[in-house]
Amino acid sequence: MSNVRLSAYQVMWLFVMFDLPTVTKTDKKNAAKFRKDIEKDGFTMYQFSVYYRFCASTESVDVHIKRIKKITPSFGKISILSITDKQYSNIINIWGKEEKKNQLQPIQLEFF
């Protein structure tokens, strides 16, 4: 078996960002189906309308972009962003504390 070293400039990350209509029952069904379909294709939710996945090559990116285009609903906006692993490593994530369920949150009062 040969050892192939992956370059941070060849390994890719694919982001899918979307804003799909959810006005009618059909819209909601189509949006939910799109989310389920991209999850079946290996994407992970980053935020509610932002999903991402690792791709070992640009060829893999092309395959997944074709799949996304094939399952895209008729209405709405979908953006696809591909970045190298090197660019991905520059992302700065700031995560706050997780909220505990059933815990009362203080209310900020405003005085005039």
PDB file of N, CA and C in Angstrom:
ATOM      1  N   MET A   1       0.854  -1.164   0.000  1.00  0.00           N
ATOM      2  CA  MET A   1       0.000   0.000   0.000  1.00  0.00           C
ATOM      3  C   MET A   1       0.904   1.233   0.000  1.00  0.00           C
ATOM      4  N   SER A   2       0.618   2.187  -0.842  1.00  0.00           N
ATOM      5  CA  SER A   2       1.436   3.397  -0.912  1.00  0.00           C
ATOM      6  C   SER A   2       0.918   4.438   0.068  1.00  0.00           C
ATOM      7  N   ASN A   3       1.858   5.175   0.612  1.00  0.00           N
ATOM      8  CA  ASN A   3       1.497   6.262   1.520  1.00  0.00           C
ATOM      9  C   ASN A   3       1.342   7.535   0.699  1.00  0.00           C
ATOM     10  N   VAL A   4       0.155   8.074   0.680  1.00  0.00           N
ATOM     11  CA  VAL A   4      -0.104   9.314  -0.034  1.00  0.00           C
ATOM     12  C   VAL A   4      -0.319  10.393   0.999  1.00  0.00           C
ATOM     13  N   ARG A   5       0.489  11.415   0.926  1.00  0.00           N
ATOM     14  CA  ARG A   5       0.360  12.518   1.872  1.00  0.00           C
ATOM     15  C   ARG A   5      -0.576  13.562   1.275  1.00  0.00           C
ATOM     16  N   LEU A   6      -1.622  13.873   2.004  1.00  0.00           N
ATOM     17  CA  LEU A   6      -2.578  14.859   1.533  1.00  0.00           C
ATOM     18  C   LEU A   6      -2.067  16.259   1.836  1.00  0.00           C
ATOM     19  N   SER A   7      -2.154  17.118   0.868  1.00  0.00           N
ATOM     20  CA  SER A   7      -1.730  18.501   1.039  1.00  0.00           C
ATOM     21  C   SER A   7      -2.898  19.339   1.539  1.00  0.00           C
ATOM     22  N   ALA A   8      -2.597  20.279   2.419  1.00  0.00           N
ATOM     23  CA  ALA A   8      -3.635  21.180   2.941  1.00  0.00           C
ATOM     24  C   ALA A   8      -4.182  22.083   1.859  1.00  0.00           C
ATOM     25  N   TYR A   9      -3.521  22.087   0.695  1.00  0.00           N
ATOM     26  CA  TYR A   9      -3.990  22.901  -0.422  1.00  0.00           C
ATOM     27  C   TYR A   9      -4.808  22.074  -1.419  1.00  0.00           C
ATOM     28  N   GLN A  10      -4.824  20.747  -1.257  1.00  0.00           N
ATOM     29  CA  GLN A  10      -5.589  19.883  -2.154  1.00  0.00           C
ATOM     30  C   GLN A  10      -6.845  19.340  -1.488  1.00  0.00           C
ATOM     31  N   VAL A  11      -6.780  19.142  -0.178  1.00  0.00           N
ATOM     32  CA  VAL A  11      -7.939  18.689   0.579  1.00  0.00           C
ATOM     33  C   VAL A  11      -8.909  19.858   0.675  1.00  0.00           C
ATOM     34  N   MET A  12     -10.187  19.591   0.490  1.00  0.00           N
ATOM     35  CA  MET A  12     -11.177  20.667   0.405  1.00  0.00           C
ATOM     36  C   MET A  12     -12.281  20.500   1.447  1.00  0.00           C
ATOM     37  N   TRP A  13     -12.902  21.599   1.751  1.00  0.00           N
ATOM     38  CA  TRP A  13     -14.111  21.642   2.561  1.00  0.00           C
ATOM     39  C   TRP A  13     -15.188  22.308   1.723  1.00  0.00           C
ATOM     40  N   LEU A  14     -16.377  21.769   1.767  1.00  0.00           N
ATOM     41  CA  LEU A  14     -17.480  22.279   0.971  1.00  0.00           C
ATOM     42  C   LEU A  14     -18.571  22.777   1.914  1.00  0.00           C
ATOM     43  N   PHE A  15     -18.965  24.031   1.742  1.00  0.00           N
ATOM     44  CA  PHE A  15     -20.035  24.637   2.536  1.00  0.00           C
ATOM     45  C   PHE A  15     -21.249  24.871   1.645  1.00  0.00           C
ATOM     46  N   VAL A  16     -22.428  24.540   2.147  1.00  0.00           N
ATOM     47  CA  VAL A  16     -23.685  24.810   1.448  1.00  0.00           C
ATOM     48  C   VAL A  16     -24.505  25.711   2.370  1.00  0.00           C
ATOM     49  N   MET A  17     -24.839  26.888   1.854  1.00  0.00           N
ATOM     50  CA  MET A  17     -25.629  27.859   2.610  1.00  0.00           C
ATOM     51  C   MET A  17     -26.913  28.105   1.830  1.00  0.00           C
ATOM     52  N   PHE A  18     -28.036  28.125   2.502  1.00  0.00           N
ATOM     53  CA  PHE A  18     -29.286  28.262   1.765  1.00  0.00           C
ATOM     54  C   PHE A  18     -30.332  29.049   2.531  1.00  0.00           C
ATOM     55  N   ASP A  19     -31.215  29.643   1.746  1.00  0.00           N
ATOM     56  CA  ASP A  19     -32.373  30.359   2.260  1.00  0.00           C
ATOM     57  C   ASP A  19     -33.544  29.893   1.415  1.00  0.00           C
ATOM     58  N   LEU A  20     -34.278  28.925   1.914  1.00  0.00           N
ATOM     59  CA  LEU A  20     -35.384  28.333   1.167  1.00  0.00           C
ATOM     60  C   LEU A  20     -36.704  28.840   1.725  1.00  0.00           C
ATOM     61  N   PRO A  21     -37.679  29.051   0.853  1.00  0.00           N
ATOM     62  CA  PRO A  21     -38.974  29.532   1.340  1.00  0.00           C
ATOM     63  C   PRO A  21     -39.656  28.487   2.221  1.00  0.00           C
ATOM     64  N   THR A  22     -40.358  28.975   3.244  1.00  0.00           N
ATOM     65  CA  THR A  22     -41.099  28.083   4.146  1.00  0.00           C
ATOM     66  C   THR A  22     -42.486  28.657   4.431  1.00  0.00           C
ATOM     67  N   VAL A  23     -43.088  29.266   3.418  1.00  0.00           N
ATOM     68  CA  VAL A  23     -44.389  29.910   3.595  1.00  0.00           C
ATOM     69  C   VAL A  23     -45.511  28.876   3.559  1.00  0.00           C
ATOM     70  N   THR A  24     -45.502  28.042   2.553  1.00  0.00           N
ATOM     71  CA  THR A  24     -46.566  27.043   2.405  1.00  0.00           C
ATOM     72  C   THR A  24     -46.115  25.702   2.969  1.00  0.00           C
ATOM     73  N   LYS A  25     -47.062  24.803   3.089  1.00  0.00           N
ATOM     74  CA  LYS A  25     -46.766  23.455   3.566  1.00  0.00           C
ATOM     75  C   LYS A  25     -45.803  22.750   2.603  1.00  0.00           C
ATOM     76  N   THR A  26     -46.004  22.974   1.307  1.00  0.00           N
ATOM     77  CA  THR A  26     -45.125  22.385   0.289  1.00  0.00           C
ATOM     78  C   THR A  26     -43.712  22.947   0.405  1.00  0.00           C
ATOM     79  N   ASP A  27     -43.594  24.259   0.635  1.00  0.00           N
ATOM     80  CA  ASP A  27     -42.278  24.884   0.830  1.00  0.00           C
ATOM     81  C   ASP A  27     -41.549  24.242   2.007  1.00  0.00           C
ATOM     82  N   LYS A  28     -42.257  24.081   3.110  1.00  0.00           N
ATOM     83  CA  LYS A  28     -41.651  23.498   4.306  1.00  0.00           C
ATOM     84  C   LYS A  28     -41.189  22.069   4.048  1.00  0.00           C
ATOM     85  N   LYS A  29     -42.017  21.325   3.324  1.00  0.00           N
ATOM     86  CA  LYS A  29     -41.674  19.936   2.997  1.00  0.00           C
ATOM     87  C   LYS A  29     -40.433  19.887   2.107  1.00  0.00           C
ATOM     88  N   ASN A  30     -40.366  20.781   1.101  1.00  0.00           N
ATOM     89  CA  ASN A  30     -39.214  20.819   0.198  1.00  0.00           C
ATOM     90  C   ASN A  30     -37.933  21.219   0.930  1.00  0.00           C
ATOM     91  N   ALA A  31     -38.022  22.187   1.833  1.00  0.00           N
ATOM     92  CA  ALA A  31     -36.854  22.620   2.600  1.00  0.00           C
ATOM     93  C   ALA A  31     -36.356  21.499   3.511  1.00  0.00           C
ATOM     94  N   ALA A  32     -37.279  20.821   4.171  1.00  0.00           N
ATOM     95  CA  ALA A  32     -36.901  19.702   5.047  1.00  0.00           C
ATOM     96  C   ALA A  32     -36.272  18.569   4.240  1.00  0.00           C
ATOM     97  N   LYS A  33     -36.824  18.292   3.075  1.00  0.00           N
ATOM     98  CA  LYS A  33     -36.270  17.239   2.208  1.00  0.00           C
ATOM     99  C   LYS A  33     -34.866  17.606   1.754  1.00  0.00           C
ATOM    100  N   PHE A  34     -34.636  18.867   1.400  1.00  0.00           N
ATOM    101  CA  PHE A  34     -33.311  19.298   0.979  1.00  0.00           C
ATOM    102  C   PHE A  34     -32.297  19.094   2.111  1.00  0.00           C
ATOM    103  N   ARG A  35     -32.662  19.503   3.325  1.00  0.00           N
ATOM    104  CA  ARG A  35     -31.757  19.314   4.468  1.00  0.00           C
ATOM    105  C   ARG A  35     -31.449  17.837   4.695  1.00  0.00           C
ATOM    106  N   LYS A  36     -32.476  17.000   4.635  1.00  0.00           N
ATOM    107  CA  LYS A  36     -32.266  15.561   4.828  1.00  0.00           C
ATOM    108  C   LYS A  36     -31.393  14.974   3.724  1.00  0.00           C
ATOM    109  N   ASP A  37     -31.606  15.422   2.488  1.00  0.00           N
ATOM    110  CA  ASP A  37     -30.822  14.907   1.359  1.00  0.00           C
ATOM    111  C   ASP A  37     -29.348  15.290   1.460  1.00  0.00           C
ATOM    112  N   ILE A  38     -29.054  16.516   1.874  1.00  0.00           N
ATOM    113  CA  ILE A  38     -27.633  16.878   1.972  1.00  0.00           C
ATOM    114  C   ILE A  38     -26.981  16.183   3.166  1.00  0.00           C
ATOM    115  N   GLU A  39     -27.762  15.910   4.208  1.00  0.00           N
ATOM    116  CA  GLU A  39     -27.214  15.129   5.318  1.00  0.00           C
ATOM    117  C   GLU A  39     -26.905  13.700   4.872  1.00  0.00           C
ATOM    118  N   LYS A  40     -27.767  13.117   4.035  1.00  0.00           N
ATOM    119  CA  LYS A  40     -27.506  11.781   3.488  1.00  0.00           C
ATOM    120  C   LYS A  40     -26.245  11.770   2.635  1.00  0.00           C
ATOM    121  N   ASP A  41     -25.912  12.920   2.050  1.00  0.00           N
ATOM    122  CA  ASP A  41     -24.721  13.039   1.212  1.00  0.00           C
ATOM    123  C   ASP A  41     -23.473  13.347   2.041  1.00  0.00           C
ATOM    124  N   GLY A  42     -23.583  13.277   3.359  1.00  0.00           N
ATOM    125  CA  GLY A  42     -22.417  13.416   4.216  1.00  0.00           C
ATOM    126  C   GLY A  42     -22.178  14.799   4.782  1.00  0.00           C
ATOM    127  N   PHE A  43     -23.105  15.715   4.575  1.00  0.00           N
ATOM    128  CA  PHE A  43     -22.944  17.066   5.118  1.00  0.00           C
ATOM    129  C   PHE A  43     -23.370  17.090   6.580  1.00  0.00           C
ATOM    130  N   THR A  44     -22.745  17.971   7.348  1.00  0.00           N
ATOM    131  CA  THR A  44     -23.044  18.149   8.762  1.00  0.00           C
ATOM    132  C   THR A  44     -23.550  19.567   8.977  1.00  0.00           C
ATOM    133  N   MET A  45     -24.554  19.706   9.845  1.00  0.00           N
ATOM    134  CA  MET A  45     -25.094  21.035  10.111  1.00  0.00           C
ATOM    135  C   MET A  45     -24.082  21.859  10.907  1.00  0.00           C
ATOM    136  N   TYR A  46     -23.780  23.036  10.410  1.00  0.00           N
ATOM    137  CA  TYR A  46     -22.926  23.991  11.107  1.00  0.00           C
ATOM    138  C   TYR A  46     -23.805  25.006  11.821  1.00  0.00           C
ATOM    139  N   GLN A  47     -24.785  25.519  11.098  1.00  0.00           N
ATOM    140  CA  GLN A  47     -25.872  26.322  11.621  1.00  0.00           C
ATOM    141  C   GLN A  47     -27.114  25.840  10.890  1.00  0.00           C
ATOM    142  N   PHE A  48     -28.282  26.350  11.217  1.00  0.00           N
ATOM    143  CA  PHE A  48     -29.515  25.788  10.661  1.00  0.00           C
ATOM    144  C   PHE A  48     -29.513  25.747   9.138  1.00  0.00           C
ATOM    145  N   SER A  49     -29.041  26.767   8.472  1.00  0.00           N
ATOM    146  CA  SER A  49     -29.039  26.787   7.009  1.00  0.00           C
ATOM    147  C   SER A  49     -27.629  26.791   6.432  1.00  0.00           C
ATOM    148  N   VAL A  50     -26.687  26.285   7.209  1.00  0.00           N
ATOM    149  CA  VAL A  50     -25.299  26.176   6.747  1.00  0.00           C
ATOM    150  C   VAL A  50     -24.815  24.764   7.067  1.00  0.00           C
ATOM    151  N   TYR A  51     -24.409  24.055   6.030  1.00  0.00           N
ATOM    152  CA  TYR A  51     -23.902  22.697   6.178  1.00  0.00           C
ATOM    153  C   TYR A  51     -22.516  22.608   5.563  1.00  0.00           C
ATOM    154  N   TYR A  52     -21.714  21.660   6.035  1.00  0.00           N
ATOM    155  CA  TYR A  52     -20.365  21.508   5.495  1.00  0.00           C
ATOM    156  C   TYR A  52     -19.983  20.037   5.443  1.00  0.00           C
ATOM    157  N   ARG A  53     -18.975  19.745   4.617  1.00  0.00           N
ATOM    158  CA  ARG A  53     -18.431  18.393   4.560  1.00  0.00           C
ATOM    159  C   ARG A  53     -16.995  18.439   4.081  1.00  0.00           C
ATOM    160  N   PHE A  54     -16.255  17.444   4.477  1.00  0.00           N
ATOM    161  CA  PHE A  54     -14.865  17.264   4.079  1.00  0.00           C
ATOM    162  C   PHE A  54     -14.838  16.545   2.738  1.00  0.00           C
ATOM    163  N   CYS A  55     -13.949  16.971   1.867  1.00  0.00           N
ATOM    164  CA  CYS A  55     -13.743  16.310   0.577  1.00  0.00           C
ATOM    165  C   CYS A  55     -12.244  16.112   0.391  1.00  0.00           C
ATOM    166  N   ALA A  56     -11.845  14.910   0.035  1.00  0.00           N
ATOM    167  CA  ALA A  56     -10.423  14.595  -0.077  1.00  0.00           C
ATOM    168  C   ALA A  56      -9.778  15.150  -1.342  1.00  0.00           C
ATOM    169  N   SER A  57     -10.574  15.657  -2.269  1.00  0.00           N
ATOM    170  CA  SER A  57     -10.005  16.171  -3.525  1.00  0.00           C
ATOM    171  C   SER A  57     -10.996  17.106  -4.209  1.00  0.00           C
ATOM    172  N   THR A  58     -10.500  17.815  -5.214  1.00  0.00           N
ATOM    173  CA  THR A  58     -11.393  18.681  -5.988  1.00  0.00           C
ATOM    174  C   THR A  58     -12.382  17.843  -6.804  1.00  0.00           C
ATOM    175  N   GLU A  59     -11.983  16.644  -7.172  1.00  0.00           N
ATOM    176  CA  GLU A  59     -12.899  15.750  -7.894  1.00  0.00           C
ATOM    177  C   GLU A  59     -14.095  15.391  -7.021  1.00  0.00           C
ATOM    178  N   SER A  60     -13.835  15.159  -5.738  1.00  0.00           N
ATOM    179  CA  SER A  60     -14.914  14.863  -4.795  1.00  0.00           C
ATOM    180  C   SER A  60     -15.830  16.074  -4.638  1.00  0.00           C
ATOM    181  N   VAL A  61     -15.244  17.264  -4.592  1.00  0.00           N
ATOM    182  CA  VAL A  61     -16.032  18.496  -4.513  1.00  0.00           C
ATOM    183  C   VAL A  61     -16.977  18.572  -5.709  1.00  0.00           C
ATOM    184  N   ASP A  62     -16.457  18.309  -6.896  1.00  0.00           N
ATOM    185  CA  ASP A  62     -17.281  18.366  -8.113  1.00  0.00           C
ATOM    186  C   ASP A  62     -18.451  17.398  -8.057  1.00  0.00           C
ATOM    187  N   VAL A  63     -18.213  16.200  -7.543  1.00  0.00           N
ATOM    188  CA  VAL A  63     -19.275  15.192  -7.423  1.00  0.00           C
ATOM    189  C   VAL A  63     -20.385  15.703  -6.505  1.00  0.00           C
ATOM    190  N   HIS A  64     -20.007  16.264  -5.362  1.00  0.00           N
ATOM    191  CA  HIS A  64     -21.015  16.719  -4.397  1.00  0.00           C
ATOM    192  C   HIS A  64     -21.753  17.966  -4.887  1.00  0.00           C
ATOM    193  N   ILE A  65     -21.075  18.831  -5.619  1.00  0.00           N
ATOM    194  CA  ILE A  65     -21.753  19.995  -6.196  1.00  0.00           C
ATOM    195  C   ILE A  65     -22.810  19.537  -7.198  1.00  0.00           C
ATOM    196  N   LYS A  66     -22.483  18.551  -8.009  1.00  0.00           N
ATOM    197  CA  LYS A  66     -23.471  18.008  -8.969  1.00  0.00           C
ATOM    198  C   LYS A  66     -24.674  17.430  -8.243  1.00  0.00           C
ATOM    199  N   ARG A  67     -24.420  16.727  -7.134  1.00  0.00           N
ATOM    200  CA  ARG A  67     -25.532  16.151  -6.356  1.00  0.00           C
ATOM    201  C   ARG A  67     -26.415  17.245  -5.770  1.00  0.00           C
ATOM    202  N   ILE A  68     -25.807  18.306  -5.262  1.00  0.00           N
ATOM    203  CA  ILE A  68     -26.580  19.408  -4.687  1.00  0.00           C
ATOM    204  C   ILE A  68     -27.439  20.058  -5.764  1.00  0.00           C
ATOM    205  N   LYS A  69     -26.849  20.288  -6.933  1.00  0.00           N
ATOM    206  CA  LYS A  69     -27.617  20.884  -8.028  1.00  0.00           C
ATOM    207  C   LYS A  69     -28.800  20.007  -8.406  1.00  0.00           C
ATOM    208  N   LYS A  70     -28.625  18.709  -8.328  1.00  0.00           N
ATOM    209  CA  LYS A  70     -29.684  17.766  -8.702  1.00  0.00           C
ATOM    210  C   LYS A  70     -30.852  17.784  -7.702  1.00  0.00           C
ATOM    211  N   ILE A  71     -30.565  18.024  -6.425  1.00  0.00           N
ATOM    212  CA  ILE A  71     -31.620  17.986  -5.401  1.00  0.00           C
ATOM    213  C   ILE A  71     -32.132  19.364  -5.010  1.00  0.00           C
ATOM    214  N   THR A  72     -31.657  20.400  -5.671  1.00  0.00           N
ATOM    215  CA  THR A  72     -32.059  21.762  -5.342  1.00  0.00           C
ATOM    216  C   THR A  72     -33.550  21.980  -5.616  1.00  0.00           C
ATOM    217  N   PRO A  73     -34.283  22.519  -4.632  1.00  0.00           N
ATOM    218  CA  PRO A  73     -35.695  22.838  -4.858  1.00  0.00           C
ATOM    219  C   PRO A  73     -35.844  23.935  -5.920  1.00  0.00           C
ATOM    220  N   SER A  74     -37.028  24.064  -6.463  1.00  0.00           N
ATOM    221  CA  SER A  74     -37.295  25.033  -7.533  1.00  0.00           C
ATOM    222  C   SER A  74     -37.133  26.478  -7.071  1.00  0.00           C
ATOM    223  N   PHE A  75     -37.459  26.740  -5.809  1.00  0.00           N
ATOM    224  CA  PHE A  75     -37.411  28.105  -5.297  1.00  0.00           C
ATOM    225  C   PHE A  75     -36.419  28.207  -4.148  1.00  0.00           C
ATOM    226  N   GLY A  76     -35.879  29.391  -3.974  1.00  0.00           N
ATOM    227  CA  GLY A  76     -34.959  29.634  -2.877  1.00  0.00           C
ATOM    228  C   GLY A  76     -33.569  29.944  -3.382  1.00  0.00           C
ATOM    229  N   LYS A  77     -32.696  30.225  -2.434  1.00  0.00           N
ATOM    230  CA  LYS A  77     -31.320  30.585  -2.763  1.00  0.00           C
ATOM    231  C   LYS A  77     -30.377  29.582  -2.112  1.00  0.00           C
ATOM    232  N   ILE A  78     -29.434  29.096  -2.894  1.00  0.00           N
ATOM    233  CA  ILE A  78     -28.432  28.167  -2.391  1.00  0.00           C
ATOM    234  C   ILE A  78     -27.072  28.658  -2.866  1.00  0.00           C
ATOM    235  N   SER A  79     -26.135  28.762  -1.938  1.00  0.00           N
ATOM    236  CA  SER A  79     -24.763  29.134  -2.274  1.00  0.00           C
ATOM    237  C   SER A  79     -23.847  27.999  -1.852  1.00  0.00           C
ATOM    238  N   ILE A  80     -22.853  27.729  -2.677  1.00  0.00           N
ATOM    239  CA  ILE A  80     -21.883  26.677  -2.385  1.00  0.00           C
ATOM    240  C   ILE A  80     -20.499  27.311  -2.366  1.00  0.00           C
ATOM    241  N   LEU A  81     -19.761  27.049  -1.313  1.00  0.00           N
ATOM    242  CA  LEU A  81     -18.421  27.594  -1.162  1.00  0.00           C
ATOM    243  C   LEU A  81     -17.458  26.441  -0.932  1.00  0.00           C
ATOM    244  N   SER A  82     -16.394  26.374  -1.725  1.00  0.00           N
ATOM    245  CA  SER A  82     -15.355  25.369  -1.479  1.00  0.00           C
ATOM    246  C   SER A  82     -14.084  26.093  -1.083  1.00  0.00           C
ATOM    247  N   ILE A  83     -13.459  25.576  -0.038  1.00  0.00           N
ATOM    248  CA  ILE A  83     -12.202  26.158   0.439  1.00  0.00           C
ATOM    249  C   ILE A  83     -11.207  25.028   0.707  1.00  0.00           C
ATOM    250  N   THR A  84      -9.940  25.371   0.664  1.00  0.00           N
ATOM    251  CA  THR A  84      -8.911  24.377   0.955  1.00  0.00           C
ATOM    252  C   THR A  84      -8.838  24.132   2.454  1.00  0.00           C
ATOM    253  N   ASP A  85      -8.210  23.035   2.818  1.00  0.00           N
ATOM    254  CA  ASP A  85      -8.033  22.720   4.223  1.00  0.00           C
ATOM    255  C   ASP A  85      -7.181  23.792   4.905  1.00  0.00           C
ATOM    256  N   LYS A  86      -6.246  24.349   4.171  1.00  0.00           N
ATOM    257  CA  LYS A  86      -5.401  25.426   4.708  1.00  0.00           C
ATOM    258  C   LYS A  86      -6.262  26.648   5.044  1.00  0.00           C
ATOM    259  N   GLN A  87      -7.174  27.023   4.141  1.00  0.00           N
ATOM    260  CA  GLN A  87      -8.072  28.141   4.411  1.00  0.00           C
ATOM    261  C   GLN A  87      -9.010  27.811   5.566  1.00  0.00           C
ATOM    262  N   TYR A  88      -9.502  26.574   5.615  1.00  0.00           N
ATOM    263  CA  TYR A  88     -10.401  26.145   6.682  1.00  0.00           C
ATOM    264  C   TYR A  88      -9.733  26.283   8.048  1.00  0.00           C
ATOM    265  N   SER A  89      -8.422  26.023   8.094  1.00  0.00           N
ATOM    266  CA  SER A  89      -7.712  26.103   9.374  1.00  0.00           C
ATOM    267  C   SER A  89      -7.647  27.528   9.904  1.00  0.00           C
ATOM    268  N   ASN A  90      -7.961  28.518   9.070  1.00  0.00           N
ATOM    269  CA  ASN A  90      -7.951  29.913   9.508  1.00  0.00           C
ATOM    270  C   ASN A  90      -9.275  30.368  10.108  1.00  0.00           C
ATOM    271  N   ILE A  91     -10.270  29.492  10.139  1.00  0.00           N
ATOM    272  CA  ILE A  91     -11.560  29.857  10.722  1.00  0.00           C
ATOM    273  C   ILE A  91     -11.394  30.043  12.230  1.00  0.00           C
ATOM    274  N   ILE A  92     -11.951  31.116  12.726  1.00  0.00           N
ATOM    275  CA  ILE A  92     -11.942  31.372  14.168  1.00  0.00           C
ATOM    276  C   ILE A  92     -13.364  31.132  14.670  1.00  0.00           C
ATOM    277  N   ASN A  93     -13.517  30.143  15.527  1.00  0.00           N
ATOM    278  CA  ASN A  93     -14.814  29.834  16.124  1.00  0.00           C
ATOM    279  C   ASN A  93     -14.819  30.312  17.561  1.00  0.00           C
ATOM    280  N   ILE A  94     -15.864  31.010  17.929  1.00  0.00           N
ATOM    281  CA  ILE A  94     -16.039  31.452  19.309  1.00  0.00           C
ATOM    282  C   ILE A  94     -17.351  30.850  19.789  1.00  0.00           C
ATOM    283  N   TRP A  95     -17.252  29.950  20.719  1.00  0.00           N
ATOM    284  CA  TRP A  95     -18.429  29.257  21.209  1.00  0.00           C
ATOM    285  C   TRP A  95     -18.732  29.734  22.625  1.00  0.00           C
ATOM    286  N   GLY A  96     -19.959  30.150  22.844  1.00  0.00           N
ATOM    287  CA  GLY A  96     -20.379  30.517  24.192  1.00  0.00           C
ATOM    288  C   GLY A  96     -20.735  29.272  24.984  1.00  0.00           C
ATOM    289  N   LYS A  97     -21.050  29.470  26.229  1.00  0.00           N
ATOM    290  CA  LYS A  97     -21.469  28.349  27.062  1.00  0.00           C
ATOM    291  C   LYS A  97     -22.799  27.826  26.571  1.00  0.00           C
ATOM    292  N   GLU A  98     -22.988  26.533  26.709  1.00  0.00           N
ATOM    293  CA  GLU A  98     -24.269  25.945  26.330  1.00  0.00           C
ATOM    294  C   GLU A  98     -25.298  26.262  27.400  1.00  0.00           C
ATOM    295  N   GLU A  99     -26.508  26.576  26.926  1.00  0.00           N
ATOM    296  CA  GLU A  99     -27.579  26.861  27.867  1.00  0.00           C
ATOM    297  C   GLU A  99     -28.074  25.561  28.485  1.00  0.00           C
ATOM    298  N   LYS A 100     -28.340  25.617  29.780  1.00  0.00           N
ATOM    299  CA  LYS A 100     -28.905  24.454  30.445  1.00  0.00           C
ATOM    300  C   LYS A 100     -30.410  24.495  30.256  1.00  0.00           C
ATOM    301  N   LYS A 101     -30.987  23.367  29.946  1.00  0.00           N
ATOM    302  CA  LYS A 101     -32.434  23.307  29.731  1.00  0.00           C
ATOM    303  C   LYS A 101     -33.173  23.527  31.048  1.00  0.00           C
ATOM    304  N   ASN A 102     -34.336  24.131  30.911  1.00  0.00           N
ATOM    305  CA  ASN A 102     -35.220  24.398  32.055  1.00  0.00           C
ATOM    306  C   ASN A 102     -34.576  25.299  33.100  1.00  0.00           C
ATOM    307  N   GLN A 103     -33.642  26.121  32.688  1.00  0.00           N
ATOM    308  CA  GLN A 103     -33.025  27.058  33.617  1.00  0.00           C
ATOM    309  C   GLN A 103     -33.551  28.453  33.297  1.00  0.00           C
ATOM    310  N   LEU A 104     -33.977  29.161  34.311  1.00  0.00           N
ATOM    311  CA  LEU A 104     -34.493  30.503  34.108  1.00  0.00           C
ATOM    312  C   LEU A 104     -33.353  31.439  33.733  1.00  0.00           C
ATOM    313  N   GLN A 105     -33.599  32.256  32.743  1.00  0.00           N
ATOM    314  CA  GLN A 105     -32.604  33.227  32.309  1.00  0.00           C
ATOM    315  C   GLN A 105     -32.971  34.589  32.876  1.00  0.00           C
ATOM    316  N   PRO A 106     -31.985  35.341  33.376  1.00  0.00           N
ATOM    317  CA  PRO A 106     -32.311  36.682  33.899  1.00  0.00           C
ATOM    318  C   PRO A 106     -32.793  37.586  32.784  1.00  0.00           C
ATOM    319  N   ILE A 107     -33.712  38.467  33.122  1.00  0.00           N
ATOM    320  CA  ILE A 107     -34.261  39.396  32.156  1.00  0.00           C
ATOM    321  C   ILE A 107     -33.573  40.745  32.347  1.00  0.00           C
ATOM    322  N   GLN A 108     -33.132  41.333  31.249  1.00  0.00           N
ATOM    323  CA  GLN A 108     -32.502  42.646  31.309  1.00  0.00           C
ATOM    324  C   GLN A 108     -33.617  43.688  31.314  1.00  0.00           C
ATOM    325  N   LEU A 109     -33.680  44.493  32.351  1.00  0.00           N
ATOM    326  CA  LEU A 109     -34.696  45.534  32.447  1.00  0.00           C
ATOM    327  C   LEU A 109     -34.125  46.834  31.918  1.00  0.00           C
ATOM    328  N   GLU A 110     -34.952  47.551  31.192  1.00  0.00           N
ATOM    329  CA  GLU A 110     -34.525  48.856  30.675  1.00  0.00           C
ATOM    330  C   GLU A 110     -35.285  49.934  31.427  1.00  0.00           C
ATOM    331  N   PHE A 111     -34.553  50.920  31.896  1.00  0.00           N
ATOM    332  CA  PHE A 111     -35.170  52.041  32.574  1.00  0.00           C
ATOM    333  C   PHE A 111     -34.978  53.289  31.739  1.00  0.00           C
ATOM    334  N   PHE A 112     -35.993  54.107  31.660  1.00  0.00           N
ATOM    335  CA  PHE A 112     -35.926  55.324  30.858  1.00  0.00           C
ATOM    336  C   PHE A 112     -35.777  56.533  31.720  1.00  0.00           C
TER     337      PHE A 112
END
